[in-house]
Protein backbone atom coordinates (compact mmCIF):
# COMPACT_ATOMS: atom_id res chain seq x y z
CA MET A 1 160.23 33.11 -39.52
CA TYR A 2 162.78 35.91 -39.96
CA TRP A 3 165.08 34.95 -42.83
CA ALA A 4 168.25 34.91 -40.70
CA ASP A 5 166.61 32.49 -38.26
CA SER A 6 165.71 30.23 -41.19
CA ILE A 7 169.34 30.21 -42.35
CA SER A 8 170.46 29.56 -38.77
CA GLU A 9 168.26 26.43 -38.66
CA LYS A 10 169.84 25.16 -41.90
CA VAL A 11 173.31 25.84 -40.51
CA LYS A 12 172.50 23.86 -37.35
CA GLU A 13 171.51 20.87 -39.46
CA GLN A 14 174.28 21.04 -42.08
CA TYR A 15 177.11 21.62 -39.60
CA LYS A 16 175.76 19.77 -36.56
CA ASP A 17 178.94 17.69 -36.13
CA LYS A 18 181.19 20.71 -36.30
CA ILE A 19 178.94 22.64 -33.91
CA LYS A 20 178.87 19.68 -31.50
CA ALA A 21 182.67 19.62 -31.58
CA LYS A 22 182.64 23.38 -30.81
CA ILE A 23 184.69 24.13 -33.94
CA PRO A 24 183.97 27.75 -34.99
CA LEU A 25 182.11 28.06 -38.30
CA ILE A 26 183.74 30.37 -40.83
CA ILE A 27 181.55 32.98 -42.55
CA ARG A 28 183.25 34.84 -45.38
CA ASP A 29 182.63 37.76 -47.71
CA GLU A 30 184.84 40.05 -49.75
CA LYS A 31 185.02 43.23 -51.78
CA THR A 32 187.39 44.08 -54.63
CA LEU A 33 188.68 47.60 -53.96
CA SER A 34 188.58 48.93 -57.52
CA GLY A 35 187.15 52.31 -56.46
CA ARG A 36 184.63 53.86 -54.09
CA VAL A 37 182.57 50.96 -52.76
CA HIS A 38 179.03 51.06 -54.12
CA VAL A 39 176.24 51.01 -51.55
CA GLY A 40 175.05 47.74 -53.10
CA SER A 41 178.11 46.00 -51.64
CA LEU A 42 176.72 46.67 -48.18
CA ARG A 43 174.00 44.08 -48.77
CA GLY A 44 176.35 41.10 -48.80
CA LEU A 45 178.28 42.58 -45.89
CA ALA A 46 175.07 42.96 -43.84
CA ILE A 47 173.63 39.53 -44.75
CA HIS A 48 176.78 37.78 -43.58
CA GLY A 49 177.00 40.07 -40.56
CA ILE A 50 173.46 39.30 -39.40
CA ILE A 51 174.02 35.57 -39.90
CA GLU A 52 177.02 35.89 -37.57
CA GLU A 53 174.96 37.80 -34.99
CA VAL A 54 172.09 35.28 -35.06
CA LEU A 55 174.47 32.29 -34.80
CA LYS A 56 176.21 33.86 -31.83
CA GLU A 57 172.84 34.57 -30.24
CA ASN A 58 172.26 30.80 -30.58
CA LYS A 59 175.62 30.10 -28.89
CA ILE A 60 177.10 28.68 -32.11
CA PRO A 61 180.85 29.48 -32.31
CA CYS A 62 181.62 31.34 -35.53
CA LYS A 63 183.99 33.84 -37.09
CA TYR A 64 183.21 36.39 -39.82
CA LEU A 65 186.10 36.96 -42.22
CA PHE A 66 186.02 39.83 -44.68
CA GLU A 67 188.54 40.08 -47.48
CA PHE A 68 189.73 43.34 -48.93
CA ASN A 69 190.64 42.08 -52.38
CA ASP A 70 193.61 44.23 -53.36
CA PHE A 71 195.42 41.77 -55.63
CA ASP A 72 193.06 41.91 -58.61
CA PRO A 73 194.22 44.00 -61.57
CA MET A 74 193.06 47.57 -62.04
CA ASP A 75 190.68 46.99 -64.96
CA GLY A 76 188.67 50.20 -65.03
CA LEU A 77 189.15 53.91 -64.35
CA PRO A 78 186.46 55.50 -62.15
CA VAL A 79 185.28 58.81 -63.62
CA TYR A 80 186.19 60.71 -60.46
CA LEU A 81 189.91 59.92 -60.86
CA ASP A 82 192.56 61.77 -62.87
CA GLN A 83 192.39 59.62 -66.01
CA GLU A 84 195.80 60.63 -67.33
CA LYS A 85 197.50 59.96 -63.99
CA PHE A 86 196.05 56.48 -63.46
CA LEU A 87 195.94 55.15 -67.04
CA PRO A 88 199.54 53.79 -66.86
CA TYR A 89 198.53 51.63 -63.86
CA MET A 90 195.81 49.75 -65.74
CA GLY A 91 196.51 46.01 -65.39
CA LYS A 92 198.60 46.32 -62.22
CA PRO A 93 197.50 44.75 -58.92
CA LEU A 94 195.38 47.25 -57.00
CA CYS A 95 197.81 47.14 -54.09
CA ASP A 96 200.56 48.39 -56.44
CA VAL A 97 198.58 51.43 -57.60
CA PRO A 98 199.23 54.69 -55.70
CA SER A 99 196.60 56.17 -53.41
CA PRO A 100 194.47 58.96 -54.95
CA ASP A 101 195.19 61.19 -51.95
CA GLY A 102 198.90 60.39 -51.73
CA LYS A 103 198.45 59.51 -48.04
CA ALA A 104 197.10 55.97 -47.82
CA LYS A 105 199.45 53.03 -48.34
CA ASN A 106 198.04 52.37 -51.82
CA TYR A 107 194.95 52.68 -54.02
CA ALA A 108 193.13 49.71 -52.50
CA GLU A 109 193.91 50.81 -48.96
CA TYR A 110 192.48 54.27 -49.66
CA PHE A 111 189.08 52.90 -50.69
CA GLY A 112 189.25 50.06 -48.17
CA ASN A 113 189.70 52.50 -45.29
CA GLU A 114 186.57 54.39 -46.34
CA PHE A 115 184.53 51.20 -46.57
CA ALA A 116 185.84 49.90 -43.24
CA GLY A 117 184.67 53.16 -41.65
CA VAL A 118 181.13 52.56 -42.92
CA ILE A 119 181.17 48.93 -41.75
CA SER A 120 182.24 50.02 -38.27
CA GLU A 121 179.49 52.65 -38.06
CA LEU A 122 176.95 49.96 -38.94
CA GLY A 123 178.12 47.87 -36.00
CA PHE A 124 179.51 44.91 -37.94
CA VAL A 125 182.85 43.59 -36.73
CA PRO A 126 184.36 41.19 -39.29
CA GLU A 127 187.97 40.11 -39.10
CA TYR A 128 189.69 41.77 -42.08
CA TYR A 129 192.44 40.33 -44.22
CA ARG A 130 193.97 41.34 -47.55
CA SER A 131 194.36 39.07 -50.55
CA SER A 132 197.84 40.47 -51.31
CA ASP A 133 199.03 39.34 -47.87
CA MET A 134 197.60 35.87 -48.47
CA TYR A 135 199.41 35.49 -51.80
CA ARG A 136 202.71 37.03 -50.70
CA SER A 137 202.88 35.02 -47.47
CA GLY A 138 202.58 31.77 -49.46
CA LYS A 139 199.13 30.83 -48.12
CA TYR A 140 197.96 30.15 -51.69
CA ASN A 141 201.04 28.29 -52.87
CA SER A 142 199.57 24.80 -52.48
CA VAL A 143 196.25 25.65 -54.18
CA ILE A 144 198.10 27.38 -57.03
CA LYS A 145 200.13 24.22 -57.60
CA THR A 146 197.03 22.03 -57.38
CA ALA A 147 195.19 24.24 -59.88
CA LEU A 148 198.12 24.18 -62.34
CA LEU A 149 198.47 20.41 -62.09
CA ASN A 150 194.73 20.06 -62.73
CA ALA A 151 194.43 22.64 -65.50
CA ASP A 152 192.83 20.10 -67.87
CA LYS A 153 190.19 19.27 -65.26
CA ILE A 154 189.45 22.99 -64.68
CA ARG A 155 189.12 23.59 -68.44
CA ALA A 156 186.66 20.69 -68.60
CA ILE A 157 184.62 22.17 -65.73
CA TYR A 158 184.37 25.52 -67.52
CA LYS A 159 183.23 23.74 -70.68
CA ARG A 160 180.72 21.48 -68.91
CA ILE A 161 179.07 24.13 -66.74
CA SER A 162 179.20 27.35 -68.73
CA ASN A 163 180.14 26.12 -72.21
CA SER A 164 183.27 28.28 -71.98
CA GLN A 165 185.95 26.85 -74.24
CA LYS A 166 189.53 27.37 -73.02
CA GLU A 167 192.52 26.69 -75.27
CA GLU A 168 194.51 23.56 -74.46
CA SER A 169 197.50 25.73 -73.53
CA TRP A 170 195.42 27.85 -71.12
CA LEU A 171 196.48 27.69 -67.48
CA PRO A 172 194.40 28.96 -64.54
CA LEU A 173 196.94 31.61 -63.61
CA ASN A 174 197.90 35.23 -64.20
CA VAL A 175 201.58 35.96 -63.61
CA ILE A 176 202.81 39.39 -62.52
CA CYS A 177 205.07 40.47 -65.37
CA GLU A 178 208.68 40.84 -64.19
CA ASN A 179 209.19 43.77 -66.56
CA CYS A 180 206.07 45.99 -66.23
CA GLY A 181 204.51 44.69 -63.01
CA LYS A 182 201.11 44.06 -64.59
CA VAL A 183 198.99 41.02 -63.77
CA GLY A 184 196.02 41.69 -66.04
CA THR A 185 198.02 41.48 -69.28
CA THR A 186 199.79 38.13 -68.92
CA ARG A 187 199.00 34.67 -70.19
CA ALA A 188 200.60 31.54 -68.75
CA SER A 189 201.10 28.60 -71.10
CA SER A 190 203.04 25.82 -69.39
CA PHE A 191 204.08 24.61 -65.93
CA ASP A 192 207.05 22.31 -65.22
CA GLY A 193 206.19 21.76 -61.57
CA GLU A 194 208.25 24.73 -60.41
CA ARG A 195 207.96 27.52 -62.96
CA VAL A 196 205.44 28.72 -65.54
CA SER A 197 206.12 30.17 -68.97
CA TYR A 198 204.27 33.39 -69.67
CA GLU A 199 203.86 36.25 -72.10
CA CYS A 200 202.79 39.85 -71.39
CA GLY A 201 200.72 41.20 -74.28
CA ASP A 202 197.55 42.94 -75.40
CA PHE A 203 195.23 40.14 -74.29
CA VAL A 204 192.58 42.46 -72.78
CA LYS A 205 190.95 45.62 -74.10
CA TRP A 206 191.48 47.66 -70.93
CA ALA A 207 195.26 47.38 -70.55
CA LYS A 208 198.36 47.09 -72.73
CA GLY A 209 201.08 44.51 -72.14
CA CYS A 210 204.77 45.20 -72.59
CA GLY A 211 205.59 42.19 -74.81
CA ASN A 212 207.87 40.57 -72.25
CA LYS A 213 208.23 36.77 -72.20
CA GLY A 214 209.74 34.60 -69.52
CA LYS A 215 209.62 31.83 -66.97
CA ILE A 216 208.84 32.45 -63.32
CA SER A 217 207.88 30.72 -60.11
CA PRO A 218 204.14 31.33 -59.59
CA PHE A 219 204.42 31.24 -55.80
CA ASP A 220 204.74 33.78 -52.96
CA GLY A 221 202.78 36.54 -54.67
CA LYS A 222 204.36 36.35 -58.13
CA ALA A 223 201.04 35.28 -59.70
CA LYS A 224 197.34 35.01 -58.92
CA LEU A 225 194.52 32.64 -59.81
CA PRO A 226 191.67 33.79 -62.10
CA TRP A 227 188.71 34.71 -59.96
CA LYS A 228 186.41 31.71 -60.38
CA VAL A 229 189.27 29.35 -59.59
CA GLU A 230 190.44 31.70 -56.84
CA TRP A 231 186.95 31.70 -55.31
CA ALA A 232 187.07 27.90 -54.99
CA ALA A 233 190.61 28.11 -53.63
CA LYS A 234 189.49 30.55 -50.93
CA PHE A 235 186.83 28.09 -49.75
CA SER A 236 189.65 25.67 -49.07
CA VAL A 237 192.39 27.98 -47.79
CA MET A 238 190.06 29.89 -45.44
CA ASN A 239 188.07 26.76 -44.53
CA VAL A 240 184.79 28.55 -45.32
CA ASP A 241 181.45 27.15 -44.11
CA ILE A 242 179.01 29.91 -45.10
CA GLU A 243 179.42 32.31 -48.01
CA GLY A 244 176.73 33.89 -50.11
CA GLY A 245 176.97 35.72 -53.40
CA GLY A 246 175.00 38.01 -55.64
CA LYS A 247 172.18 36.61 -57.76
CA ASP A 248 174.20 37.15 -60.94
CA HIS A 249 176.89 34.77 -59.68
CA SER A 250 174.43 32.16 -58.44
CA THR A 251 172.55 31.54 -61.71
CA LYS A 252 172.83 28.22 -63.56
CA GLY A 253 176.18 28.07 -65.31
CA GLY A 254 177.39 31.06 -63.32
CA ALA A 255 180.54 31.73 -61.34
CA ARG A 256 179.33 30.06 -58.15
CA GLU A 257 178.43 26.80 -59.89
CA ILE A 258 181.88 26.74 -61.50
CA ALA A 259 183.61 27.57 -58.19
CA ASP A 260 181.62 24.87 -56.37
CA ALA A 261 182.59 22.26 -58.99
CA ILE A 262 186.27 23.24 -58.83
CA SER A 263 186.11 23.10 -55.04
CA ARG A 264 184.74 19.55 -55.10
CA GLU A 265 186.65 18.11 -58.06
CA VAL A 266 190.00 19.88 -57.85
CA PHE A 267 190.50 20.93 -54.23
CA LYS A 268 188.51 17.96 -52.86
CA ARG A 269 186.44 20.08 -50.49
CA GLU A 270 182.68 20.45 -50.17
CA PRO A 271 181.88 24.12 -50.92
CA PRO A 272 180.30 26.30 -48.23
CA MET A 273 176.60 26.88 -47.76
CA ASN A 274 175.50 29.42 -50.35
CA VAL A 275 173.20 32.33 -49.50
CA PRO A 276 172.29 33.85 -52.88
CA TYR A 277 171.00 37.39 -52.67
CA GLU A 278 169.22 39.77 -55.01
CA PHE A 279 170.42 43.13 -56.25
CA PHE A 280 170.46 46.38 -54.32
CA ASN A 281 169.17 48.85 -56.89
CA VAL A 282 169.94 52.54 -56.48
CA GLY A 283 167.90 54.90 -58.63
CA GLY A 284 166.77 58.46 -58.95
CA LYS A 285 167.57 61.49 -61.04
CA LYS A 286 170.28 62.70 -58.67
CA MET A 287 171.98 59.32 -58.40
CA SER A 288 174.67 58.45 -60.91
CA SER A 289 177.37 55.85 -60.45
CA SER A 290 178.82 56.81 -63.85
CA LYS A 291 179.39 60.32 -62.54
CA GLY A 292 180.50 59.02 -59.16
CA ALA A 293 177.62 60.79 -57.44
CA GLY A 294 175.33 59.56 -54.73
CA SER A 295 175.85 55.83 -55.00
CA SER A 296 178.79 55.04 -52.72
CA SER A 297 178.38 53.34 -49.38
CA ARG A 298 179.96 56.37 -47.70
CA GLU A 299 177.43 58.81 -49.17
CA ILE A 300 174.42 56.69 -48.18
CA ALA A 301 175.87 56.08 -44.71
CA ASP A 302 176.10 59.86 -44.34
CA LEU A 303 172.47 60.22 -45.43
CA LEU A 304 170.93 57.71 -42.99
CA PRO A 305 171.55 56.99 -39.30
CA PRO A 306 173.09 53.52 -38.74
CA HIS A 307 169.91 51.85 -37.44
CA ILE A 308 167.85 53.05 -40.43
CA LEU A 309 170.52 51.91 -42.91
CA ARG A 310 170.67 48.53 -41.15
CA LEU A 311 166.88 48.31 -41.48
CA LEU A 312 167.18 48.93 -45.22
CA LEU A 313 169.87 46.25 -45.54
CA ILE A 314 168.48 43.42 -43.39
CA GLN A 315 164.69 43.78 -43.47
CA LYS A 316 164.03 41.93 -46.72
CA ASP A 317 164.73 38.29 -47.41
CA PRO A 318 168.00 38.05 -49.41
CA LYS A 319 166.01 36.71 -52.38
CA ARG A 320 164.09 40.01 -52.65
CA VAL A 321 165.38 43.09 -54.46
CA ILE A 322 166.12 46.26 -52.47
CA GLU A 323 165.02 49.42 -54.27
CA PHE A 324 166.57 52.60 -52.91
CA ILE A 325 165.62 55.98 -54.39
CA PRO A 326 166.89 58.76 -52.12
CA ASP A 327 165.30 61.50 -54.21
CA GLY A 328 161.90 59.81 -53.89
CA ASP A 329 159.97 58.65 -50.84
CA THR A 330 162.44 55.95 -49.76
CA VAL A 331 163.94 57.85 -46.83
CA PRO A 332 160.65 58.97 -45.18
CA ILE A 333 159.18 55.49 -45.73
CA LEU A 334 162.19 53.86 -44.05
CA PHE A 335 161.68 56.01 -40.95
CA ASP A 336 157.93 55.25 -40.98
CA THR A 337 158.72 51.53 -41.22
CA TYR A 338 161.08 51.76 -38.27
CA ASP A 339 158.40 53.59 -36.27
CA LYS A 340 155.82 50.87 -36.99
CA PHE A 341 158.24 48.12 -35.96
CA ALA A 342 159.11 50.07 -32.80
CA ASN A 343 155.46 50.52 -31.82
CA ASP A 344 154.77 46.81 -32.35
CA TYR A 345 157.92 45.86 -30.45
CA PHE A 346 156.99 47.94 -27.40
CA ALA A 347 153.40 46.65 -27.62
CA ASN A 348 154.94 43.16 -27.24
CA ILE A 349 153.52 41.93 -30.55
CA LYS A 350 155.34 38.77 -31.60
CA ASP A 351 156.02 38.48 -35.32
CA ASP A 352 158.91 38.45 -37.81
CA PHE A 353 159.17 42.21 -37.71
CA THR A 354 159.50 42.50 -33.96
CA ARG A 355 162.04 39.65 -34.14
CA LEU A 356 163.96 41.76 -36.67
CA PHE A 357 163.68 44.97 -34.63
CA PRO A 358 166.56 44.40 -32.16
CA PHE A 359 168.91 43.48 -35.01
CA VAL A 360 168.24 46.83 -36.65
CA HIS A 361 170.18 48.37 -33.77
CA LEU A 362 173.90 48.15 -33.23
CA PRO A 363 174.84 45.23 -30.92
CA LYS A 364 176.00 47.61 -28.18
CA GLU A 365 172.58 49.35 -28.19
CA ARG A 366 170.29 46.32 -28.04
CA LYS A 367 170.05 45.96 -24.27
CA ASN A 368 168.97 49.58 -23.89
CA ILE A 369 166.38 50.14 -26.62
CA SER A 370 164.12 52.67 -24.94
CA LYS A 371 160.56 53.63 -25.71
CA ARG A 372 160.50 57.26 -26.86
CA ILE A 373 158.55 59.63 -29.06
CA LEU A 374 159.04 58.95 -32.76
CA PRO A 375 157.87 62.07 -34.62
CA ARG A 376 157.22 61.35 -38.29
CA PHE A 377 160.29 62.04 -40.38
CA SER A 378 158.22 63.77 -43.07
CA GLU A 379 156.75 66.14 -40.46
CA ILE A 380 160.20 66.98 -39.12
CA ALA A 381 161.38 67.55 -42.71
CA TYR A 382 158.63 70.15 -43.08
CA LEU A 383 159.16 71.72 -39.66
CA VAL A 384 162.89 72.32 -40.15
CA GLN A 385 161.91 74.53 -43.10
CA MET A 386 159.78 76.73 -40.84
CA PRO A 387 162.11 79.07 -38.94
CA HIS A 388 159.20 80.52 -36.95
CA VAL A 389 158.40 77.13 -35.37
CA ASP A 390 160.02 75.90 -32.15
CA ILE A 391 160.08 72.24 -33.15
CA GLN A 392 160.43 70.85 -29.65
CA LYS A 393 157.46 72.90 -28.42
CA GLN A 394 155.42 71.85 -31.46
CA ILE A 395 156.09 68.15 -30.80
CA GLU A 396 155.34 68.63 -27.10
CA LYS A 397 152.05 70.24 -28.08
CA GLU A 398 151.18 67.26 -30.27
CA GLU A 399 152.25 64.75 -27.62
CA GLY A 400 150.51 66.61 -24.79
CA ARG A 401 153.56 66.41 -22.54
CA ALA A 402 157.10 67.67 -22.04
CA LEU A 403 159.80 65.70 -23.83
CA GLY A 404 162.28 63.63 -21.83
CA GLU A 405 165.99 63.24 -22.51
CA SER A 406 165.59 60.24 -24.87
CA ASP A 407 162.73 62.02 -26.69
CA ILE A 408 164.87 65.11 -27.28
CA LYS A 409 167.80 62.98 -28.47
CA GLU A 410 165.51 61.24 -30.99
CA LEU A 411 164.08 64.57 -32.16
CA GLU A 412 167.54 66.11 -32.65
CA MET A 413 168.68 63.05 -34.62
CA ARG A 414 165.68 63.29 -36.94
CA LYS A 415 166.19 67.02 -37.41
CA LYS A 416 169.84 66.41 -38.36
CA TYR A 417 169.03 63.77 -40.97
CA ALA A 418 166.00 65.64 -42.31
CA GLU A 419 168.19 68.70 -42.96
CA LYS A 420 170.81 66.50 -44.62
CA TRP A 421 168.23 64.83 -46.86
CA LEU A 422 166.63 68.16 -47.79
CA SER A 423 170.01 69.61 -48.76
CA THR A 424 170.97 66.63 -50.93
CA TYR A 425 168.32 64.33 -52.40
CA ALA A 426 164.84 65.31 -51.21
CA PRO A 427 162.37 65.78 -54.10
CA GLU A 428 160.75 69.16 -54.66
CA ASP A 429 157.48 67.91 -53.13
CA TYR A 430 159.17 67.97 -49.73
CA LYS A 431 160.80 71.35 -50.14
CA PHE A 432 159.13 74.69 -49.68
CA GLU A 433 159.68 78.27 -48.69
CA ILE A 434 157.06 80.46 -47.05
CA LYS A 435 156.76 83.48 -49.32
CA LYS A 436 157.19 86.81 -47.58
CA GLU A 437 155.37 88.59 -50.39
CA LEU A 438 152.13 87.64 -52.13
CA PRO A 439 153.04 84.90 -54.64
CA VAL A 440 152.62 85.73 -58.35
CA LEU A 441 150.48 82.59 -58.96
CA VAL A 442 147.74 84.02 -56.74
CA LYS A 443 146.49 86.03 -59.73
CA ASP A 444 145.48 82.76 -61.43
CA LEU A 445 143.18 81.60 -58.62
CA THR A 446 139.54 81.22 -59.68
CA VAL A 447 136.52 82.76 -57.98
CA GLU A 448 135.63 79.27 -56.73
CA GLN A 449 139.05 78.89 -55.10
CA LYS A 450 138.89 82.35 -53.52
CA ASN A 451 135.44 81.60 -52.10
CA ALA A 452 136.85 78.46 -50.49
CA LEU A 453 139.80 80.42 -49.06
CA THR A 454 137.34 82.95 -47.63
CA GLN A 455 135.68 80.15 -45.67
CA VAL A 456 139.09 78.99 -44.44
CA LEU A 457 139.89 82.57 -43.38
CA LEU A 458 136.61 82.94 -41.44
CA PHE A 459 137.30 79.72 -39.53
CA ILE A 460 140.86 80.75 -38.66
CA GLU A 461 139.73 84.20 -37.47
CA LYS A 462 137.22 82.81 -34.97
CA GLU A 463 139.46 80.05 -33.59
CA LYS A 464 141.40 80.98 -30.46
CA GLU A 465 144.08 78.35 -31.18
CA LEU A 466 144.69 76.44 -34.40
CA ASN A 467 144.49 72.65 -34.22
CA GLY A 468 145.64 70.43 -37.09
CA GLN A 469 142.89 67.83 -36.78
CA GLU A 470 140.14 70.47 -36.46
CA LEU A 471 141.51 72.31 -39.49
CA HIS A 472 141.61 69.05 -41.44
CA THR A 473 137.95 68.40 -40.56
CA LYS A 474 136.96 71.97 -41.47
CA LEU A 475 138.69 71.78 -44.86
CA HIS A 476 136.74 68.59 -45.56
CA GLU A 477 133.49 70.36 -44.63
CA ILE A 478 134.29 73.35 -46.88
CA LYS A 479 135.09 71.00 -49.76
CA ILE A 480 131.67 69.33 -49.45
CA ALA A 481 129.70 72.53 -48.80
CA LEU A 482 131.14 74.35 -51.82
CA ASN A 483 131.40 71.22 -53.97
CA ILE A 484 134.96 72.12 -54.88
CA GLU A 485 137.47 69.55 -56.10
CA PRO A 486 140.02 68.68 -53.37
CA LYS A 487 142.95 69.50 -55.65
CA LYS A 488 141.58 73.00 -56.33
CA LEU A 489 141.06 73.69 -52.63
CA PHE A 490 144.45 72.47 -51.47
CA SER A 491 146.41 73.98 -54.34
CA ALA A 492 144.80 77.35 -53.54
CA ILE A 493 146.10 77.09 -49.97
CA TYR A 494 149.62 76.14 -51.07
CA ILE A 495 149.77 78.79 -53.80
CA SER A 496 148.72 81.47 -51.32
CA ILE A 497 151.52 80.66 -48.87
CA LEU A 498 154.23 78.78 -50.77
CA GLY A 499 153.75 79.96 -54.34
CA LYS A 500 153.49 76.32 -55.54
CA GLU A 501 150.61 73.89 -56.03
CA SER A 502 151.67 71.25 -53.50
CA GLY A 503 152.91 71.05 -49.94
CA PRO A 504 152.52 69.30 -46.57
CA LYS A 505 149.18 68.01 -45.26
CA ALA A 506 147.08 71.14 -45.35
CA GLY A 507 145.36 70.99 -41.95
CA TRP A 508 148.58 70.35 -40.05
CA PHE A 509 150.48 72.86 -42.21
CA LEU A 510 148.04 75.68 -41.45
CA SER A 511 148.03 74.80 -37.74
CA VAL A 512 151.77 75.44 -37.36
CA MET A 513 151.71 78.75 -39.23
CA PRO A 514 151.52 82.03 -37.24
CA LYS A 515 147.83 82.89 -37.00
CA ASP A 516 148.30 86.61 -37.66
CA PHE A 517 150.38 85.81 -40.78
CA LEU A 518 147.68 83.48 -42.10
CA ILE A 519 144.90 86.01 -41.56
CA LYS A 520 146.88 88.80 -43.23
CA ARG A 521 147.91 86.61 -46.20
CA LEU A 522 144.45 85.12 -46.84
CA LYS A 523 142.88 88.59 -46.70
CA GLU A 524 145.34 89.74 -49.35
CA VAL A 525 144.49 86.76 -51.53
CA VAL A 526 140.67 86.98 -51.38
CA LYS A 527 140.19 90.76 -51.49
């Protein structure tokens, strides 16, 4: 069973009364907008989005809420920002930090707009809201008061679940300092039912307080709850039924266990169904979140077409890790995986993968998924580096027919993304340049290798038209006849044409090269 269907069955059982009453279930997720949104954040977004799509397919009323958390303090400076310019804002709510481009409403809005653009391209349509609006409109007033009146109970929950010892004077609240406007540098110490006493000081390593002390009403956006308490409060305020979280939060003694306990014991509400999910790991030599390169959701959304990125995000069960290495084989393998699912889908094979296949596509595309040619991405990546090849004619030759409109559209899409991948993350194994002059490395070829190339040359000269499969078979025959190691044979071919020891599949590669060029080059090599 596809994992989203399994969750759907659990939802039907757990919320059967609510479903029977036709009360929409609330699915919720959020992202704190502290900088460019890492591609890993797309996993939670997609998991909740697919749950919504599957529930709606099952005629279960539901609503997907997505919070742009812009009320948390700025507690870190991304390396791609002007450090001197933004350092004074450390500790302030993200919505009170200026936009890096000077155009967006604020810092959080700048990064939120970019992330919302990616979400839209992926076909997910959550209902957005901002945490600052919730606080400032008074929607959290009652839960703030409840949390303050139950501070001793919350301290006990922290101690019992995570062995975190809070001082007796500690209150679950961070006030926005009336003097400096910072929320990350304050500590509240008492509550009289209307106002809290607080101090703004150097209580964290990443921001400096101003030393101000005072008393203030904690309502209407003048203060915020610490995040584990806030998480529980959101369950109640937003009436959440389904909300997952990363594996790190869902471990024993972790944030989710604390939030669930506070939800039950303080806010008197059963917490939502949890969908814990594993990490989305991004690796590779060219990827560096510390340098702000190659790991944002925007950059990966630019690298992959929406349906391939959706495949990456929703294929695996949430409990399985996603490994994404753009400067390895990940991108070609993703396209190959899509092609296999497509072939099975159109062959009417019924399994979890063909069940998944429609959900890979944007909702608006699902009724018109057409059967079309799916040329291998790796082949297209090689062909776009061969200016002498008419790619459409080459694919038509391989298919044995003219391409239709949907075929050509698919081909052009793959060409576009192959060129993008080659210009950004593709490893050297996928890159090559046909050398106009005889490569220098040719001088190192052995007599054995030159003898093998002579046999290749003789075959090419007598063939009227070069065929990839026939060349592949012939190379295999030459290898056996001359008892030459495969690596020596193939490296000799690549060195002769590309000036490097590796390249595309040799038989196919030779078949798409101009015959007169091959004959001339091989004669130069073996003379």
